Amino acid sequence: MSRATTALPGDPLPKGAPPGGRRAVAMWSTGVAVYFVAVIFRTSLGVAGLDAAGRFHVNASALSTFSILQLLVYAGMQIPVGLLVDRLGTKKVLCLGAVLFTAGQLGFAFSPSYGTALASRALLGCGDAMTFISVLRLGTRWFPARRGPFVAQLAGLVGMAGNLVSTLVLARLLHGLGWTPAFAGSALAGVVVLVLALLFLKDHPEGHEPAPSPHQGAAYVRRQIAEAWREPGTRLGMWVHFTTQFPAMVFLLLWGLPFLVQAQGLSRATAGELLTLVVLSNMAVGLVYGQVVARHHAARLPLALGTVAATALVWAMTLAWPGAHAPTALLLALCVVLGACGPASMLGFDFARPANPPERQGTASGITNMGGFIASMTTLLAIGVLLDATGDDYSIAFSAVFVLQALGLTQILRLRGRAARRERERLVASRVETVHVPAA
């Protein structure tokens, strides 16, 4: 009987590891295509925030509720989705997600009122929640562990490409065709990726089926969650994700365009170009971070902490600038630094992945992925409330970013030593087991 062992990037390829290769790339690309479309739909409100405020006649707090509800559903679904992926496999969960987020995007296109639009965004968030964890699981099933950091960062990069499509293509469709044709037309992409997944996607290579595990209802659920949470690496991964992801998410998802237009006096076209810069920076930094961590596993925490420090510094300079508007060079620097937030958040999964066995990867990834979206949801709400309370004072409203960063940083520093010790113990035990287990 074979047994999966924990491997870290840079270790020799263990016996029985997934083979990778062209077929793995094809399967992974099919899953990533679903995630790509989900990100387009998720971020579509970022280019339509001002239009949505006018269409549904809502203020800043009500406008932020769109994204807050979407992220609330997304975050709340992470552990259930992780359990579903561990139990049902990737294909079923991805296909269900595609059905839900496509229905949500289509419903948003035809929503006649604020209430129905909210319900549509909630449905979209539910489907979106099923995509990224599934793609991470697909990567661990089809590629060897040493490829894990790069494959995860590449998935994040493809997601940011979806954000780029939303920023460039959907924004033009929205202003050229109008609300309903733009959103309804984009929903066709969801139908395309659903068909691709149904026809071509496979959960794992032949001969690499996961070992059957007894599923005993509530007892299984409690055990999976408790064992994943017990690992310091899972909790550290969640707090890294919490602390690094949300500044860029809040900026791209809703408040970046209003901040640049209303507070900084830029045109919508120029603001759109700066949002595009965030996405391009994210894609470039993601490639760098993935390669660095694949070669130097110890670089995970310095990269995460450095990103947090750089983000806080540039945000502070922008908000505290004494003039009416921050200079263009500073806004460019802000957008470049915000681009590092997404890749830094992916490092959270590189703490959770080696801390958990293959049969618990979905649950652990779900816990980790909750972090950034809880932080994003909290900050979106805080900014909306503060804008209404202060008469649209963006300097005060965006100061909420520093509170969440301080909380997350405290937890990272508290858990880092415990997680490192546990990871070293598991790696030593894994190598000893590999040496002493005879070949089949």
Protein backbone atom coordinates (compact mmCIF):
# COMPACT_ATOMS: atom_id res chain seq x y z
CA MET A 1 0.00 0.00 0.00
CA SER A 2 1.50 3.33 -1.04
CA ARG A 3 1.36 6.36 1.16
CA ALA A 4 1.60 10.01 0.19
CA THR A 5 4.27 12.00 1.93
CA THR A 6 4.77 15.70 2.37
CA ALA A 7 7.28 17.28 0.02
CA LEU A 8 8.64 20.77 -0.17
CA PRO A 9 9.89 22.62 -3.24
CA GLY A 10 13.45 21.57 -3.98
CA ASP A 11 13.06 18.03 -2.57
CA PRO A 12 13.68 15.09 -4.89
CA LEU A 13 10.56 13.91 -6.70
CA PRO A 14 9.04 11.25 -4.42
CA LYS A 15 7.94 7.90 -5.79
CA GLY A 16 4.33 7.97 -6.90
CA ALA A 17 4.22 11.76 -7.29
CA PRO A 18 2.01 13.17 -10.06
CA PRO A 19 3.92 13.15 -13.36
CA GLY A 20 3.18 16.62 -14.72
CA GLY A 21 3.72 16.93 -18.45
CA ARG A 22 1.55 18.11 -21.33
CA ARG A 23 -1.62 16.35 -20.21
CA ALA A 24 -1.28 17.91 -16.77
CA VAL A 25 -0.96 21.33 -18.40
CA ALA A 26 -4.06 20.67 -20.50
CA MET A 27 -6.16 19.58 -17.50
CA TRP A 28 -4.93 22.43 -15.35
CA SER A 29 -5.55 24.94 -18.13
CA THR A 30 -9.16 23.78 -18.42
CA GLY A 31 -9.71 24.37 -14.71
CA VAL A 32 -7.92 27.71 -14.81
CA ALA A 33 -10.14 28.83 -17.69
CA VAL A 34 -13.13 28.48 -15.36
CA TYR A 35 -11.33 30.52 -12.71
CA PHE A 36 -10.35 33.13 -15.31
CA VAL A 37 -14.00 33.76 -16.21
CA ALA A 38 -15.01 33.79 -12.55
CA VAL A 39 -12.51 36.60 -11.89
CA ILE A 40 -13.86 38.61 -14.84
CA PHE A 41 -17.33 38.38 -13.32
CA ARG A 42 -16.09 39.03 -9.77
CA THR A 43 -14.25 42.22 -10.72
CA SER A 44 -16.81 43.49 -13.23
CA LEU A 45 -18.31 45.79 -10.59
CA GLY A 46 -14.94 47.50 -10.20
CA VAL A 47 -15.37 49.20 -13.58
CA ALA A 48 -19.11 49.67 -13.13
CA GLY A 49 -19.27 51.10 -9.61
CA LEU A 50 -20.20 54.64 -10.63
CA ASP A 51 -22.68 53.29 -13.21
CA ALA A 52 -24.24 51.01 -10.59
CA ALA A 53 -24.66 53.93 -8.17
CA GLY A 54 -26.57 55.85 -10.82
CA ARG A 55 -28.57 52.87 -12.10
CA PHE A 56 -29.82 51.80 -8.66
CA HIS A 57 -29.79 55.29 -7.04
CA VAL A 58 -27.61 54.30 -4.05
CA ASN A 59 -24.99 56.04 -1.87
CA ALA A 60 -21.45 54.87 -1.04
CA SER A 61 -22.48 52.52 1.78
CA ALA A 62 -25.16 50.85 -0.33
CA LEU A 63 -22.76 50.60 -3.27
CA SER A 64 -20.16 48.88 -1.10
CA THR A 65 -22.82 46.37 -0.04
CA PHE A 66 -22.65 44.81 -3.52
CA SER A 67 -19.03 43.83 -3.05
CA ILE A 68 -19.39 43.13 0.68
CA LEU A 69 -22.23 40.65 0.12
CA GLN A 70 -20.36 39.02 -2.74
CA LEU A 71 -17.24 38.62 -0.58
CA LEU A 72 -19.28 37.55 2.46
CA VAL A 73 -20.74 34.69 0.46
CA TYR A 74 -17.32 33.92 -1.01
CA ALA A 75 -15.60 33.84 2.38
CA GLY A 76 -18.41 31.90 4.04
CA MET A 77 -18.25 29.26 1.31
CA GLN A 78 -14.51 28.58 1.56
CA ILE A 79 -14.56 25.80 4.16
CA PRO A 80 -17.68 24.11 2.72
CA VAL A 81 -16.13 24.28 -0.75
CA GLY A 82 -12.85 22.86 0.56
CA LEU A 83 -14.75 19.95 2.07
CA LEU A 84 -16.68 19.43 -1.17
CA VAL A 85 -13.48 19.40 -3.21
CA ASP A 86 -11.89 16.87 -0.85
CA ARG A 87 -14.99 14.68 -1.05
CA LEU A 88 -16.43 15.09 -4.57
CA GLY A 89 -13.35 16.04 -6.58
CA THR A 90 -12.48 19.03 -8.72
CA LYS A 91 -14.62 18.54 -11.81
CA LYS A 92 -18.00 18.42 -10.09
CA VAL A 93 -17.29 21.45 -7.92
CA LEU A 94 -15.88 23.53 -10.78
CA CYS A 95 -18.86 22.77 -13.01
CA LEU A 96 -21.31 23.68 -10.26
CA GLY A 97 -19.38 26.91 -9.69
CA ALA A 98 -19.56 27.78 -13.39
CA VAL A 99 -23.34 27.29 -13.42
CA LEU A 100 -23.79 29.55 -10.38
CA PHE A 101 -21.50 32.43 -11.35
CA THR A 102 -22.89 32.49 -14.90
CA ALA A 103 -26.44 32.66 -13.55
CA GLY A 104 -25.36 35.45 -11.19
CA GLN A 105 -23.78 37.51 -13.96
CA LEU A 106 -26.82 37.07 -16.17
CA GLY A 107 -29.15 38.02 -13.33
CA PHE A 108 -27.09 41.14 -12.64
CA ALA A 109 -27.49 42.17 -16.28
CA PHE A 110 -31.29 42.15 -16.08
CA SER A 111 -31.78 43.22 -12.44
CA PRO A 112 -34.51 45.87 -12.30
CA SER A 113 -33.86 46.87 -8.70
CA TYR A 114 -31.17 47.11 -6.03
CA GLY A 115 -32.52 44.05 -4.20
CA THR A 116 -32.44 41.72 -7.20
CA ALA A 117 -28.98 43.01 -8.11
CA LEU A 118 -27.77 42.15 -4.60
CA ALA A 119 -29.19 38.63 -4.91
CA SER A 120 -27.43 38.20 -8.26
CA ARG A 121 -24.06 39.27 -6.82
CA ALA A 122 -24.54 36.83 -3.94
CA LEU A 123 -25.18 34.00 -6.42
CA LEU A 124 -22.11 35.07 -8.38
CA GLY A 125 -20.02 35.04 -5.20
CA CYS A 126 -21.21 31.52 -4.40
CA GLY A 127 -20.10 30.21 -7.77
CA ASP A 128 -16.85 32.17 -7.70
CA ALA A 129 -16.03 30.62 -4.32
CA MET A 130 -15.88 27.18 -5.92
CA THR A 131 -13.18 27.98 -8.46
CA PHE A 132 -9.83 28.87 -6.91
CA ILE A 133 -9.66 26.08 -4.32
CA SER A 134 -10.59 23.63 -7.08
CA VAL A 135 -7.76 24.94 -9.26
CA LEU A 136 -5.26 24.61 -6.39
CA ARG A 137 -6.41 21.03 -5.81
CA LEU A 138 -6.10 20.32 -9.53
CA GLY A 139 -2.50 21.53 -9.41
CA THR A 140 -1.58 19.23 -6.50
CA ARG A 141 -3.19 16.25 -8.27
CA TRP A 142 -1.50 16.75 -11.64
CA PHE A 143 1.92 18.31 -10.80
CA PRO A 144 4.72 17.25 -8.41
CA ALA A 145 4.98 19.17 -5.13
CA ARG A 146 8.17 20.98 -6.17
CA ARG A 147 6.10 22.75 -8.83
CA GLY A 148 3.47 23.81 -6.29
CA PRO A 149 4.52 27.44 -5.62
CA PHE A 150 5.01 28.25 -9.29
CA VAL A 151 1.75 26.58 -10.37
CA ALA A 152 -0.17 28.43 -7.64
CA GLN A 153 1.35 31.80 -8.59
CA LEU A 154 0.62 31.08 -12.26
CA ALA A 155 -3.02 30.43 -11.37
CA GLY A 156 -3.11 33.77 -9.58
CA LEU A 157 -1.54 35.42 -12.63
CA VAL A 158 -4.26 34.00 -14.89
CA GLY A 159 -6.84 35.31 -12.45
CA MET A 160 -5.32 38.77 -12.71
CA ALA A 161 -5.52 38.45 -16.49
CA GLY A 162 -9.24 38.05 -15.92
CA ASN A 163 -9.15 41.28 -13.95
CA LEU A 164 -7.36 42.90 -16.87
CA VAL A 165 -10.09 41.77 -19.26
CA SER A 166 -12.67 43.24 -16.90
CA THR A 167 -10.78 46.53 -16.70
CA LEU A 168 -10.13 46.90 -20.44
CA VAL A 169 -12.77 44.95 -22.36
CA LEU A 170 -15.82 44.97 -20.11
CA ALA A 171 -15.37 48.66 -19.31
CA ARG A 172 -15.46 49.49 -23.03
CA LEU A 173 -18.48 47.25 -23.61
CA LEU A 174 -20.26 48.88 -20.69
CA HIS A 175 -19.75 52.39 -22.00
CA GLY A 176 -20.27 51.41 -25.63
CA LEU A 177 -23.25 49.04 -25.46
CA GLY A 178 -24.81 49.83 -22.12
CA TRP A 179 -25.44 47.91 -18.91
CA THR A 180 -27.61 44.97 -19.99
CA PRO A 181 -25.84 44.03 -23.26
CA ALA A 182 -22.40 44.23 -21.62
CA PHE A 183 -23.20 42.03 -18.63
CA ALA A 184 -25.45 39.61 -20.52
CA GLY A 185 -22.91 39.25 -23.31
CA SER A 186 -20.10 38.52 -20.87
CA ALA A 187 -22.20 35.74 -19.32
CA LEU A 188 -21.68 33.72 -22.53
CA ALA A 189 -18.06 33.16 -21.46
CA GLY A 190 -19.37 31.23 -18.45
CA VAL A 191 -21.31 28.88 -20.74
CA VAL A 192 -18.18 28.24 -22.83
CA VAL A 193 -15.95 27.26 -19.88
CA LEU A 194 -18.71 25.11 -18.39
CA VAL A 195 -18.89 23.07 -21.61
CA LEU A 196 -15.08 22.75 -21.69
CA ALA A 197 -14.97 21.48 -18.12
CA LEU A 198 -17.79 18.99 -18.68
CA LEU A 199 -16.17 17.56 -21.81
CA PHE A 200 -12.46 17.51 -21.00
CA LEU A 201 -11.63 17.94 -17.32
CA LYS A 202 -10.27 15.00 -15.27
CA ASP A 203 -9.67 15.12 -11.53
CA HIS A 204 -6.34 13.25 -11.53
CA PRO A 205 -4.00 11.18 -13.74
CA GLU A 206 -4.64 7.47 -14.21
CA GLY A 207 -3.04 5.49 -11.43
CA HIS A 208 -3.02 8.45 -9.05
CA GLU A 209 -6.47 8.11 -7.58
CA PRO A 210 -6.67 9.44 -4.01
CA ALA A 211 -6.93 6.83 -1.29
CA PRO A 212 -10.56 6.28 -0.28
CA SER A 213 -11.42 7.86 3.04
CA PRO A 214 -14.48 7.18 5.17
CA HIS A 215 -16.96 10.05 4.99
CA GLN A 216 -19.15 10.00 8.05
CA GLY A 217 -21.27 13.09 7.76
CA ALA A 218 -20.82 15.68 10.46
CA ALA A 219 -18.03 13.72 12.15
CA TYR A 220 -15.95 13.81 8.95
CA VAL A 221 -16.55 17.54 8.53
CA ARG A 222 -15.54 18.31 12.11
CA ARG A 223 -12.43 16.15 11.85
CA GLN A 224 -11.27 17.73 8.58
CA ILE A 225 -11.70 21.27 9.86
CA ALA A 226 -10.21 20.57 13.29
CA GLU A 227 -7.14 18.78 11.94
CA ALA A 228 -6.47 21.45 9.32
CA TRP A 229 -6.90 24.28 11.85
CA ARG A 230 -4.68 22.52 14.38
CA GLU A 231 -1.73 22.93 12.03
CA PRO A 232 0.14 26.23 12.69
CA GLY A 233 0.99 26.35 8.97
CA THR A 234 -2.70 26.54 8.06
CA ARG A 235 -3.32 29.41 10.46
CA LEU A 236 -0.15 31.23 9.40
CA GLY A 237 -1.20 30.84 5.77
CA MET A 238 -4.61 32.30 6.56
CA TRP A 239 -3.11 35.36 8.28
CA VAL A 240 -0.57 35.92 5.49
CA HIS A 241 -3.46 35.85 3.03
CA PHE A 242 -5.50 38.14 5.30
CA THR A 243 -2.76 40.75 5.63
CA THR A 244 -1.48 40.88 2.07
CA GLN A 245 -4.46 40.50 -0.26
CA PHE A 246 -7.04 43.04 0.80
CA PRO A 247 -5.43 46.44 -0.10
CA ALA A 248 -5.35 45.58 -3.80
CA MET A 249 -8.65 43.70 -3.69
CA VAL A 250 -10.48 46.70 -2.21
CA PHE A 251 -8.83 49.03 -4.73
CA LEU A 252 -9.65 46.90 -7.77
CA LEU A 253 -13.00 45.55 -6.69
CA LEU A 254 -14.72 48.83 -5.90
CA TRP A 255 -12.97 51.86 -4.39
CA GLY A 256 -9.98 52.42 -6.68
CA LEU A 257 -11.87 54.11 -9.50
CA PRO A 258 -13.89 56.47 -7.24
CA PHE A 259 -10.73 57.33 -5.27
CA LEU A 260 -8.75 58.20 -8.38
CA VAL A 261 -11.59 60.14 -10.02
CA GLN A 262 -13.22 61.90 -7.07
CA ALA A 263 -10.31 62.32 -4.65
CA GLN A 264 -7.40 62.65 -7.08
CA GLY A 265 -9.18 64.50 -9.88
CA LEU A 266 -8.24 62.10 -12.67
CA SER A 267 -10.38 61.34 -15.68
CA ARG A 268 -12.06 57.95 -15.87
CA ALA A 269 -9.75 56.98 -18.73
CA THR A 270 -6.61 57.79 -16.74
CA ALA A 271 -8.01 56.06 -13.65
CA GLY A 272 -8.70 52.98 -15.77
CA GLU A 273 -5.10 53.00 -16.96
CA LEU A 274 -3.87 53.07 -13.36
CA LEU A 275 -6.13 50.14 -12.46
CA THR A 276 -4.64 48.32 -15.44
CA LEU A 277 -1.17 49.06 -14.05
CA VAL A 278 -2.11 47.31 -10.79
CA VAL A 279 -3.09 44.22 -12.78
CA LEU A 280 0.06 44.27 -14.95
CA SER A 281 2.24 44.71 -11.87
CA ASN A 282 0.46 41.79 -10.24
CA MET A 283 1.18 39.55 -13.21
CA ALA A 284 4.86 40.49 -13.35
CA VAL A 285 5.43 40.18 -9.60
CA GLY A 286 3.57 36.86 -9.54
CA LEU A 287 6.04 35.31 -11.95
CA VAL A 288 8.97 36.57 -9.85
CA TYR A 289 7.55 35.43 -6.51
CA GLY A 290 6.67 32.00 -7.88
CA GLN A 291 10.19 31.40 -9.19
CA VAL A 292 11.85 32.74 -6.04
CA VAL A 293 9.81 30.57 -3.65
CA ALA A 294 10.19 27.48 -5.85
CA ARG A 295 13.98 27.83 -5.50
CA HIS A 296 14.23 29.33 -1.99
CA HIS A 297 11.41 28.14 0.25
CA ALA A 298 12.63 30.28 3.15
CA ALA A 299 11.86 33.42 1.13
CA ARG A 300 8.11 33.06 1.73
CA LEU A 301 7.87 35.10 4.92
CA PRO A 302 10.35 37.87 3.97
CA LEU A 303 8.46 38.41 0.71
CA ALA A 304 5.12 38.59 2.52
CA LEU A 305 6.35 40.97 5.22
CA GLY A 306 8.18 43.14 2.70
CA THR A 307 5.01 43.48 0.65
CA VAL A 308 3.00 44.52 3.72
CA ALA A 309 5.61 47.12 4.68
CA ALA A 310 5.85 48.57 1.16
CA THR A 311 2.07 48.76 0.82
CA ALA A 312 1.65 50.54 4.17
CA LEU A 313 4.43 53.02 3.37
CA VAL A 314 3.15 54.04 -0.06
CA TRP A 315 -0.47 54.25 1.10
CA ALA A 316 0.59 56.47 4.01
CA MET A 317 2.51 58.77 1.68
CA THR A 318 -0.43 59.01 -0.73
CA LEU A 319 -3.05 59.72 1.93
CA ALA A 320 -0.86 62.18 3.86
CA TRP A 321 0.25 64.18 0.81
CA PRO A 322 -0.17 67.87 1.74
CA GLY A 323 -1.50 69.06 -1.62
CA ALA A 324 -5.01 68.66 -2.98
CA HIS A 325 -3.90 65.73 -5.14
CA ALA A 326 -0.99 63.33 -4.85
CA PRO A 327 1.57 63.63 -7.68
CA THR A 328 1.29 61.27 -10.62
CA ALA A 329 4.59 59.57 -9.76
CA LEU A 330 3.28 58.66 -6.31
CA LEU A 331 0.02 57.28 -7.73
CA LEU A 332 2.04 55.21 -10.19
CA ALA A 333 4.17 53.88 -7.32
CA LEU A 334 1.02 53.06 -5.34
CA CYS A 335 -0.42 51.03 -8.19
CA VAL A 336 2.84 49.16 -8.78
CA VAL A 337 3.12 48.25 -5.09
CA LEU A 338 -0.54 47.23 -4.89
CA GLY A 339 0.24 44.83 -7.73
CA ALA A 340 2.45 42.84 -5.35
CA CYS A 341 -0.42 42.19 -2.94
CA GLY A 342 -2.00 39.38 -4.96
CA PRO A 343 1.23 37.37 -5.39
CA ALA A 344 2.08 37.92 -1.72
CA SER A 345 -1.31 36.53 -0.69
CA MET A 346 -0.58 33.37 -2.71
CA LEU A 347 2.34 32.73 -0.35
CA GLY A 348 -0.25 31.87 2.30
CA PHE A 349 -1.02 28.65 0.42
CA ASP A 350 2.70 27.80 0.46
CA PHE A 351 2.49 27.69 4.27
CA ALA A 352 -0.73 25.66 4.36
CA ARG A 353 0.15 23.18 1.59
CA PRO A 354 3.10 21.39 3.26
CA ALA A 355 1.30 21.44 6.62
CA ASN A 356 -1.51 19.15 5.42
CA PRO A 357 -1.72 15.75 3.65
CA PRO A 358 -3.29 15.47 0.17
CA GLU A 359 -6.68 14.38 1.48
CA ARG A 360 -6.97 17.60 3.50
CA GLN A 361 -5.64 20.09 0.94
CA GLY A 362 -9.05 21.42 -0.07
CA THR A 363 -10.11 22.12 3.50
CA ALA A 364 -6.78 23.76 4.39
CA SER A 365 -6.87 25.89 1.23
CA GLY A 366 -10.41 26.96 2.09
CA ILE A 367 -9.35 28.13 5.54
CA THR A 368 -6.40 30.01 4.07
CA ASN A 369 -8.45 31.61 1.33
CA MET A 370 -10.96 32.95 3.85
CA GLY A 371 -8.36 35.29 5.29
CA GLY A 372 -7.96 37.84 2.52
CA PHE A 373 -11.64 37.91 1.66
CA ILE A 374 -12.69 38.52 5.27
CA ALA A 375 -10.20 41.40 5.39
CA SER A 376 -11.44 42.74 2.04
CA MET A 377 -15.07 42.55 3.11
CA THR A 378 -14.34 44.34 6.38
CA THR A 379 -12.37 47.10 4.66
CA LEU A 380 -14.95 47.61 1.91
CA LEU A 381 -17.61 48.15 4.57
CA ALA A 382 -15.40 50.42 6.70
CA ILE A 383 -14.48 52.63 3.73
CA GLY A 384 -18.10 52.99 2.63
CA VAL A 385 -19.28 53.90 6.13
CA LEU A 386 -16.41 56.34 6.69
CA LEU A 387 -16.98 58.03 3.34
CA ASP A 388 -20.62 58.66 4.20
CA ALA A 389 -19.72 59.80 7.74
CA THR A 390 -16.96 62.20 6.67
CA GLY A 391 -18.46 63.67 3.51
CA ASP A 392 -16.29 61.62 1.15
CA ASP A 393 -12.96 62.18 2.92
CA TYR A 394 -10.91 59.42 1.29
CA SER A 395 -7.85 60.05 3.49
CA ILE A 396 -9.79 59.09 6.60
CA ALA A 397 -11.73 56.30 4.92
CA PHE A 398 -8.68 54.54 3.47
CA SER A 399 -6.90 54.68 6.84
CA ALA A 400 -8.91 51.54 7.66
CA VAL A 401 -6.25 49.69 5.65
CA PHE A 402 -3.65 50.27 8.39
CA VAL A 403 -5.85 48.81 11.14
CA LEU A 404 -6.31 45.53 9.29
CA GLN A 405 -2.61 45.35 8.38
CA ALA A 406 -1.60 45.81 12.02
CA LEU A 407 -3.95 43.03 13.15
CA GLY A 408 -2.69 40.60 10.54
CA LEU A 409 0.96 41.42 11.13
CA THR A 410 0.58 40.70 14.84
CA GLN A 411 -0.80 37.23 14.12
CA ILE A 412 1.88 36.44 11.52
CA LEU A 413 4.67 37.26 13.96
CA ARG A 414 2.96 35.20 16.68
CA LEU A 415 2.64 32.05 14.53
CA ARG A 416 5.77 32.08 12.39
CA GLY A 417 8.09 30.23 14.81
CA ARG A 418 5.58 27.51 15.64
CA ALA A 419 4.78 26.89 11.97
CA ALA A 420 8.49 26.71 11.02
CA ARG A 421 9.23 24.13 13.73
CA ARG A 422 6.27 21.98 12.73
CA GLU A 423 7.26 22.12 9.07
CA ARG A 424 10.83 21.04 9.84
CA GLU A 425 9.57 18.11 11.95
CA ARG A 426 7.26 16.94 9.19
CA LEU A 427 9.95 17.22 6.53
CA VAL A 428 12.42 15.14 8.58
CA ALA A 429 9.78 12.50 9.25
CA SER A 430 8.85 12.41 5.56
CA ARG A 431 12.45 11.88 4.47
CA VAL A 432 12.99 9.14 7.02
CA GLU A 433 9.84 7.38 5.88
CA THR A 434 10.88 7.64 2.23
CA VAL A 435 14.24 6.02 3.04
CA HIS A 436 12.85 3.12 5.11
CA VAL A 437 9.67 2.17 3.20
CA PRO A 438 10.68 -0.64 0.78
CA ALA A 439 9.77 -0.37 -2.89
CA ALA A 440 6.56 -2.16 -3.91
